[in-house]
Amino acid sequence: MTDMFQLDRYFERIGFTGKPAPDLATLMAIHAAHVSAIPFEGINPLLRRPVDLDLPSLQRKLVDSRRGGYCYEHNAVLRAALEAIGFKVTGLGGRVRWNSPPDSPLGPKTHMLLKVDLPDGPYLADAGFGACVLDAPLQLVADMEQTTAMGTYKITDVDGRLWLAAKRSGGWRTMYVFDLIPQLQSDYELGNWYTSTSPAVPFPTTLVVERVTGDRRFKLVNRHLIVEARGGEQISTRMLESASELRQVLDETFNVASPVPVEELYAIISRSEK
């Protein structure tokens, strides 16, 4: 699959100018550059448009255009880039817990993440978890607090399942639960269909856009623009009151070009809040 991937165009898109090698320094640099340059966004499901997971489609959308995507898109592109460099990468599946009550049962695997094997051990790489996009890969080890520029994270092993949590002001908040069973492309296709069409998932009814760059996390949930610092500390929030404001935020904050007139997008998210 990676022989179809245009690595040079990807490097240009994310602004990576280093000399790539299958090592930790390259993994860290590419991960940070990826989440800064390519936003998390779910515009296609909101518009009832398909989310295509074949590599040429993903490259056209995330690399050659001013668009982003969600987990299946981001991590498929990141995986293709890492494998083209020479990394050993395994695609995994996660069960999202971010908005789930602590005692609720586990749901289906609707999240894609990556295991990257390095000489000093495996790392978790994930450029596509909306709500708390990781700004750096994490060591795939249990019960160790790991600090990045934008947060503190911990992986806990519970009966063979790994729980990834982020440290917030109110305590630890679970992001998702995963295991080390490699996923097939058909697993991702099924999860992608569910995530892009089910009313139980936010994307078909809610505009979600996120970007992590430097020491700031920018989130757009319908018309609500939120700016966070490290650990989810809220710096500011405001309501977008017009299509022109939405156009400016998509363009200047997230570097996203809407595939439809912004007025149409604004009308959809305004109706969803009534």
Protein backbone atom coordinates (compact mmCIF):
# COMPACT_ATOMS: atom_id res chain seq x y z
CA MET A 1 0.00 0.00 0.00
CA THR A 2 2.82 2.43 0.81
CA ASP A 3 4.20 2.23 -2.73
CA MET A 4 1.25 4.43 -3.77
CA PHE A 5 1.91 6.96 -1.03
CA GLN A 6 3.63 10.21 -2.02
CA LEU A 7 5.88 10.74 0.97
CA ASP A 8 7.40 13.95 -0.36
CA ARG A 9 3.96 15.55 -0.68
CA TYR A 10 3.11 14.46 2.85
CA PHE A 11 6.32 16.01 4.20
CA GLU A 12 5.47 19.24 2.39
CA ARG A 13 1.94 19.20 3.83
CA ILE A 14 3.11 18.82 7.44
CA GLY A 15 6.22 20.99 7.07
CA PHE A 16 8.71 18.24 7.88
CA THR A 17 12.18 19.12 6.58
CA GLY A 18 14.37 16.69 8.53
CA LYS A 19 16.13 13.57 7.32
CA PRO A 20 13.67 10.73 8.05
CA ALA A 21 14.81 7.50 9.68
CA PRO A 22 12.89 4.75 11.51
CA ASP A 23 13.84 6.09 14.95
CA LEU A 24 12.18 7.81 17.89
CA ALA A 25 13.32 11.30 16.95
CA THR A 26 11.66 11.02 13.53
CA LEU A 27 8.50 9.52 15.01
CA MET A 28 8.21 12.36 17.53
CA ALA A 29 8.84 15.05 14.92
CA ILE A 30 6.39 13.65 12.38
CA HIS A 31 3.66 13.07 14.96
CA ALA A 32 3.87 16.65 16.23
CA ALA A 33 4.02 18.12 12.73
CA HIS A 34 1.08 16.00 11.56
CA VAL A 35 -1.37 17.09 14.27
CA SER A 36 -0.31 20.71 13.90
CA ALA A 37 -0.75 20.82 10.13
CA ILE A 38 -3.67 18.48 9.43
CA PRO A 39 -6.77 19.16 11.53
CA PHE A 40 -9.13 16.64 13.02
CA GLU A 41 -12.53 17.24 11.42
CA GLY A 42 -15.74 15.37 10.65
CA ILE A 43 -17.31 17.50 7.94
CA ASN A 44 -18.03 14.64 5.54
CA PRO A 45 -20.29 12.70 7.96
CA LEU A 46 -22.09 15.93 8.86
CA LEU A 47 -22.83 16.49 5.17
CA ARG A 48 -23.86 12.83 4.75
CA ARG A 49 -20.90 12.30 2.45
CA PRO A 50 -18.92 9.04 2.47
CA VAL A 51 -15.60 8.75 4.25
CA ASP A 52 -13.34 6.83 1.86
CA LEU A 53 -10.45 4.88 3.37
CA ASP A 54 -8.53 3.87 0.25
CA LEU A 55 -5.09 5.47 0.23
CA PRO A 56 -5.47 7.54 -2.99
CA SER A 57 -8.66 9.11 -1.60
CA LEU A 58 -7.03 9.81 1.74
CA GLN A 59 -4.03 11.38 0.07
CA ARG A 60 -6.22 13.64 -2.07
CA LYS A 61 -8.23 14.77 0.95
CA LEU A 62 -5.70 15.09 3.79
CA VAL A 63 -2.45 15.68 1.91
CA ASP A 64 -3.32 17.42 -1.36
CA SER A 65 -6.24 19.50 -0.03
CA ARG A 66 -6.87 21.80 2.91
CA ARG A 67 -8.96 19.18 4.65
CA GLY A 68 -8.59 16.93 7.65
CA GLY A 69 -10.44 13.88 8.85
CA TYR A 70 -11.07 11.66 11.82
CA CYS A 71 -9.19 8.70 13.29
CA TYR A 72 -9.45 6.23 10.41
CA GLU A 73 -8.24 8.84 7.96
CA HIS A 74 -5.49 10.42 10.05
CA ASN A 75 -3.96 7.21 11.27
CA ALA A 76 -4.14 5.48 7.89
CA VAL A 77 -2.16 8.38 6.39
CA LEU A 78 0.27 8.44 9.32
CA ARG A 79 0.73 4.68 9.03
CA ALA A 80 1.45 4.91 5.31
CA ALA A 81 4.05 7.61 5.93
CA LEU A 82 5.75 5.74 8.75
CA GLU A 83 5.88 2.49 6.79
CA ALA A 84 7.31 4.33 3.78
CA ILE A 85 10.12 5.56 6.03
CA GLY A 86 10.79 2.04 7.30
CA PHE A 87 8.95 1.84 10.63
CA LYS A 88 7.23 -1.37 11.70
CA VAL A 89 3.61 -0.36 12.32
CA THR A 90 0.59 -2.36 13.49
CA GLY A 91 -2.95 -1.01 13.27
CA LEU A 92 -5.03 -1.49 16.43
CA GLY A 93 -8.61 -0.78 17.46
CA GLY A 94 -9.96 1.11 20.45
CA ARG A 95 -13.25 1.44 22.32
CA VAL A 96 -13.97 5.14 22.96
CA ARG A 97 -14.68 6.11 26.60
CA TRP A 98 -14.23 9.91 26.65
CA ASN A 99 -17.91 10.72 27.21
CA SER A 100 -18.95 7.39 28.75
CA PRO A 101 -20.00 7.02 32.40
CA PRO A 102 -17.30 5.10 34.30
CA ASP A 103 -19.59 2.15 35.05
CA SER A 104 -21.08 1.83 31.56
CA PRO A 105 -20.30 -1.29 29.48
CA LEU A 106 -17.60 -1.17 26.83
CA GLY A 107 -18.79 -0.27 23.36
CA PRO A 108 -17.55 -1.45 19.96
CA LYS A 109 -14.13 -0.75 18.49
CA THR A 110 -14.73 2.54 16.69
CA HIS A 111 -11.26 4.05 16.95
CA MET A 112 -8.06 3.41 15.03
CA LEU A 113 -4.63 3.76 16.65
CA LEU A 114 -1.13 2.56 15.83
CA LYS A 115 1.57 0.52 17.55
CA VAL A 116 5.04 1.45 16.35
CA ASP A 117 7.86 -0.94 17.26
CA LEU A 118 11.22 0.68 17.96
CA PRO A 119 14.46 -0.86 19.27
CA ASP A 120 13.72 0.43 22.78
CA GLY A 121 10.17 -0.93 22.76
CA PRO A 122 6.71 -0.23 21.32
CA TYR A 123 5.06 3.18 21.15
CA LEU A 124 1.45 4.24 20.75
CA ALA A 125 0.97 6.73 17.91
CA ASP A 126 -2.42 8.33 17.41
CA ALA A 127 -3.03 11.48 15.38
CA GLY A 128 -6.80 11.13 15.28
CA PHE A 129 -8.52 11.06 18.66
CA GLY A 130 -10.85 14.06 18.55
CA ALA A 131 -11.55 15.79 21.89
CA CYS A 132 -8.00 15.12 23.09
CA VAL A 133 -5.70 14.77 20.07
CA LEU A 134 -2.34 13.42 21.22
CA ASP A 135 0.51 15.82 20.48
CA ALA A 136 3.17 13.10 20.83
CA PRO A 137 3.53 9.32 20.72
CA LEU A 138 3.53 7.49 24.06
CA GLN A 139 5.57 4.55 25.28
CA LEU A 140 3.37 1.48 25.27
CA VAL A 141 4.01 0.65 28.92
CA ALA A 142 1.55 0.41 31.79
CA ASP A 143 1.31 2.46 34.99
CA MET A 144 3.75 5.19 34.03
CA GLU A 145 2.72 8.84 33.81
CA GLN A 146 3.95 10.29 30.53
CA THR A 147 4.24 14.02 29.98
CA THR A 148 3.94 15.80 26.65
CA ALA A 149 3.82 19.50 25.84
CA MET A 150 0.02 19.46 26.07
CA GLY A 151 -0.77 16.95 28.79
CA THR A 152 -0.04 14.01 31.05
CA TYR A 153 -1.18 10.52 30.09
CA LYS A 154 -1.16 7.04 31.56
CA ILE A 155 -1.84 3.55 30.22
CA THR A 156 -3.32 1.05 32.67
CA ASP A 157 -3.57 -2.70 32.10
CA VAL A 158 -6.87 -4.10 33.36
CA ASP A 159 -7.38 -7.82 32.70
CA GLY A 160 -5.47 -7.70 29.42
CA ARG A 161 -7.11 -4.52 28.15
CA LEU A 162 -5.17 -1.26 28.05
CA TRP A 163 -6.89 1.91 29.25
CA LEU A 164 -5.46 5.22 28.06
CA ALA A 165 -6.31 8.19 30.29
CA ALA A 166 -5.51 11.90 30.24
CA LYS A 167 -4.90 13.88 33.43
CA ARG A 168 -7.35 16.76 33.80
CA SER A 169 -7.99 19.27 36.57
CA GLY A 170 -10.66 16.97 38.03
CA GLY A 171 -8.59 13.81 37.81
CA TRP A 172 -7.91 11.14 35.22
CA ARG A 173 -10.29 10.87 32.27
CA THR A 174 -10.27 7.72 30.13
CA MET A 175 -9.84 8.32 26.42
CA TYR A 176 -10.24 4.78 25.11
CA VAL A 177 -9.64 1.12 25.84
CA PHE A 178 -7.64 -1.05 23.44
CA ASP A 179 -5.78 -4.32 23.07
CA LEU A 180 -2.85 -5.46 20.94
CA ILE A 181 -4.85 -7.55 18.45
CA PRO A 182 -3.98 -6.36 14.92
CA GLN A 183 -6.95 -5.04 12.98
CA LEU A 184 -7.81 -5.87 9.38
CA GLN A 185 -8.82 -3.27 6.83
CA SER A 186 -12.32 -4.77 6.95
CA ASP A 187 -12.44 -4.02 10.70
CA TYR A 188 -11.72 -0.38 9.95
CA GLU A 189 -14.24 -0.26 7.10
CA LEU A 190 -16.98 -1.51 9.42
CA GLY A 191 -16.02 0.89 12.22
CA ASN A 192 -15.79 3.74 9.74
CA TRP A 193 -19.28 3.04 8.40
CA TYR A 194 -20.71 3.00 11.92
CA THR A 195 -18.83 6.13 13.02
CA SER A 196 -19.87 8.13 9.96
CA THR A 197 -23.55 7.13 9.92
CA SER A 198 -24.80 6.13 13.39
CA PRO A 199 -26.88 8.62 15.39
CA ALA A 200 -25.12 7.24 18.49
CA VAL A 201 -21.90 8.93 17.30
CA PRO A 202 -21.49 12.74 17.23
CA PHE A 203 -20.19 13.19 13.68
CA PRO A 204 -23.44 12.86 11.66
CA THR A 205 -25.08 15.61 13.74
CA THR A 206 -22.26 17.75 15.16
CA LEU A 207 -19.44 19.71 13.57
CA VAL A 208 -16.21 18.73 15.34
CA VAL A 209 -12.87 20.31 14.41
CA GLU A 210 -9.64 20.24 16.44
CA ARG A 211 -6.03 21.24 16.01
CA VAL A 212 -3.07 21.05 18.37
CA THR A 213 -0.17 23.36 17.70
CA GLY A 214 2.56 24.64 19.97
CA ASP A 215 1.09 25.10 23.45
CA ARG A 216 -2.55 25.49 22.39
CA ARG A 217 -5.43 23.17 21.58
CA PHE A 218 -8.19 24.64 19.42
CA LYS A 219 -11.63 23.00 19.36
CA LEU A 220 -14.74 23.83 17.40
CA VAL A 221 -17.96 22.06 18.39
CA ASN A 222 -20.74 23.37 16.13
CA ARG A 223 -20.56 27.12 16.79
CA HIS A 224 -18.53 26.93 20.02
CA LEU A 225 -14.83 27.78 19.65
CA ILE A 226 -12.73 26.70 22.62
CA VAL A 227 -9.04 27.35 23.21
CA GLU A 228 -7.24 25.18 25.77
CA ALA A 229 -3.79 25.12 27.32
CA ARG A 230 -1.96 22.13 28.74
CA GLY A 231 -4.09 19.55 30.53
CA GLY A 232 -7.34 20.90 29.11
CA GLU A 233 -7.19 24.21 30.99
CA GLN A 234 -9.65 26.47 29.22
CA ILE A 235 -8.23 29.78 28.05
CA SER A 236 -11.20 31.15 26.14
CA THR A 237 -14.51 30.24 24.58
CA ARG A 238 -16.82 32.08 22.24
CA MET A 239 -19.86 31.53 20.08
CA LEU A 240 -19.61 32.04 16.34
CA GLU A 241 -22.51 34.26 15.36
CA SER A 242 -22.30 34.23 11.57
CA ALA A 243 -21.15 32.28 8.55
CA SER A 244 -18.39 34.83 8.01
CA GLU A 245 -17.03 34.13 11.50
CA LEU A 246 -17.13 30.39 10.78
CA ARG A 247 -15.30 30.95 7.49
CA GLN A 248 -12.58 32.96 9.23
CA VAL A 249 -12.10 30.38 12.01
CA LEU A 250 -11.97 27.44 9.60
CA ASP A 251 -9.48 29.29 7.43
CA GLU A 252 -7.22 30.97 9.96
CA THR A 253 -7.40 28.71 13.04
CA PHE A 254 -7.83 25.28 11.49
CA ASN A 255 -6.62 25.73 7.88
CA VAL A 256 -9.73 23.93 6.61
CA ALA A 257 -11.43 24.62 3.28
CA SER A 258 -15.10 23.68 3.52
CA PRO A 259 -16.23 21.37 0.69
CA VAL A 260 -19.55 23.29 0.53
CA PRO A 261 -20.32 26.99 0.85
CA VAL A 262 -19.71 27.98 4.47
CA GLU A 263 -23.21 29.43 4.62
CA GLU A 264 -24.58 25.92 4.10
CA LEU A 265 -22.34 24.51 6.82
CA TYR A 266 -23.33 27.29 9.22
CA ALA A 267 -27.02 26.66 8.57
CA ILE A 268 -26.60 22.95 9.38
CA ILE A 269 -24.84 23.52 12.69
CA SER A 270 -27.25 26.30 13.67
CA ARG A 271 -30.23 23.99 13.14
CA SER A 272 -28.60 21.20 15.14
CA GLU A 273 -28.39 23.48 18.20
CA LYS A 274 -32.12 24.30 18.26
